[in-house]
Amino acid sequence: MSDGRWRLVELARLGGVSPQQVRNYLDMGVLPPAGRSANGYRTFPDRHADALLATRARSLGRHPSR
């Protein structure tokens, strides 16, 4: 999206996970709640992308602080 927000599918693609995995992370509280656009799509600011990438790195054994 052009306004610095990501749709769920875009965020999933960026993080290398399925859209369902992003939904699971939301349900588990790994990612903060998403906003909604006027048409009802979930939208995620850049900080969600950062959190998803860090979570994905940890799950692969590549912790950013190492």
Protein backbone atom coordinates (compact mmCIF):
# COMPACT_ATOMS: atom_id res chain seq x y z
CA MET A 1 0.00 0.00 0.00
CA SER A 2 1.24 3.48 -0.70
CA ASP A 3 0.50 5.04 2.70
CA GLY A 4 3.03 3.00 4.70
CA ARG A 5 0.51 0.32 5.58
CA TRP A 6 0.47 -3.31 4.50
CA ARG A 7 -2.44 -5.57 3.69
CA LEU A 8 -2.42 -9.02 5.26
CA VAL A 9 -1.36 -10.80 2.05
CA GLU A 10 1.45 -8.29 1.47
CA LEU A 11 2.70 -8.66 5.04
CA ALA A 12 2.62 -12.46 4.77
CA ARG A 13 4.54 -12.37 1.49
CA LEU A 14 7.13 -10.04 2.99
CA GLY A 15 7.59 -12.27 6.03
CA GLY A 16 7.74 -15.50 4.07
CA VAL A 17 4.70 -16.96 5.84
CA SER A 18 1.15 -17.76 4.84
CA PRO A 19 -1.70 -15.33 5.47
CA GLN A 20 -3.10 -17.92 7.89
CA GLN A 21 0.16 -17.80 9.89
CA VAL A 22 -0.17 -14.01 10.18
CA ARG A 23 -3.72 -14.54 11.50
CA ASN A 24 -2.36 -17.11 13.97
CA TYR A 25 0.27 -14.65 15.18
CA LEU A 26 -2.49 -12.07 15.67
CA ASP A 27 -4.62 -14.56 17.62
CA MET A 28 -1.64 -15.58 19.80
CA GLY A 29 -0.74 -11.95 20.51
CA VAL A 30 2.64 -12.19 18.78
CA LEU A 31 1.58 -9.28 16.58
CA PRO A 32 -0.46 -6.35 17.92
CA PRO A 33 -4.05 -6.02 16.68
CA ALA A 34 -4.42 -4.80 13.11
CA GLY A 35 -6.35 -1.80 11.93
CA ARG A 36 -9.00 -1.91 9.23
CA SER A 37 -9.23 0.06 6.01
CA ALA A 38 -12.47 1.65 4.82
CA ASN A 39 -13.23 -1.46 2.75
CA GLY A 40 -12.68 -3.80 5.73
CA TYR A 41 -9.23 -5.17 4.89
CA ARG A 42 -6.82 -5.59 7.77
CA THR A 43 -3.97 -3.10 7.51
CA PHE A 44 -0.63 -3.22 9.26
CA PRO A 45 1.86 -0.40 9.85
CA ASP A 46 5.58 -0.90 9.27
CA ARG A 47 6.12 -1.86 12.93
CA HIS A 48 4.05 -4.99 12.28
CA ALA A 49 6.38 -5.91 9.42
CA ASP A 50 9.37 -5.43 11.72
CA ALA A 51 7.76 -7.62 14.40
CA LEU A 52 6.86 -10.31 11.88
CA LEU A 53 10.37 -10.40 10.43
CA ALA A 54 11.89 -10.63 13.92
CA THR A 55 9.48 -13.43 14.87
CA ARG A 56 10.25 -15.28 11.67
CA ALA A 57 14.01 -14.90 12.23
CA ARG A 58 13.69 -16.30 15.76
CA SER A 59 11.66 -19.25 14.49
CA LEU A 60 14.44 -20.01 12.02
CA GLY A 61 17.11 -19.74 14.73
CA ARG A 62 18.44 -16.43 13.49
CA HIS A 63 17.80 -14.11 16.39
CA PRO A 64 18.57 -10.48 15.43
CA SER A 65 20.57 -9.87 18.62
CA ARG A 66 23.05 -12.66 17.90
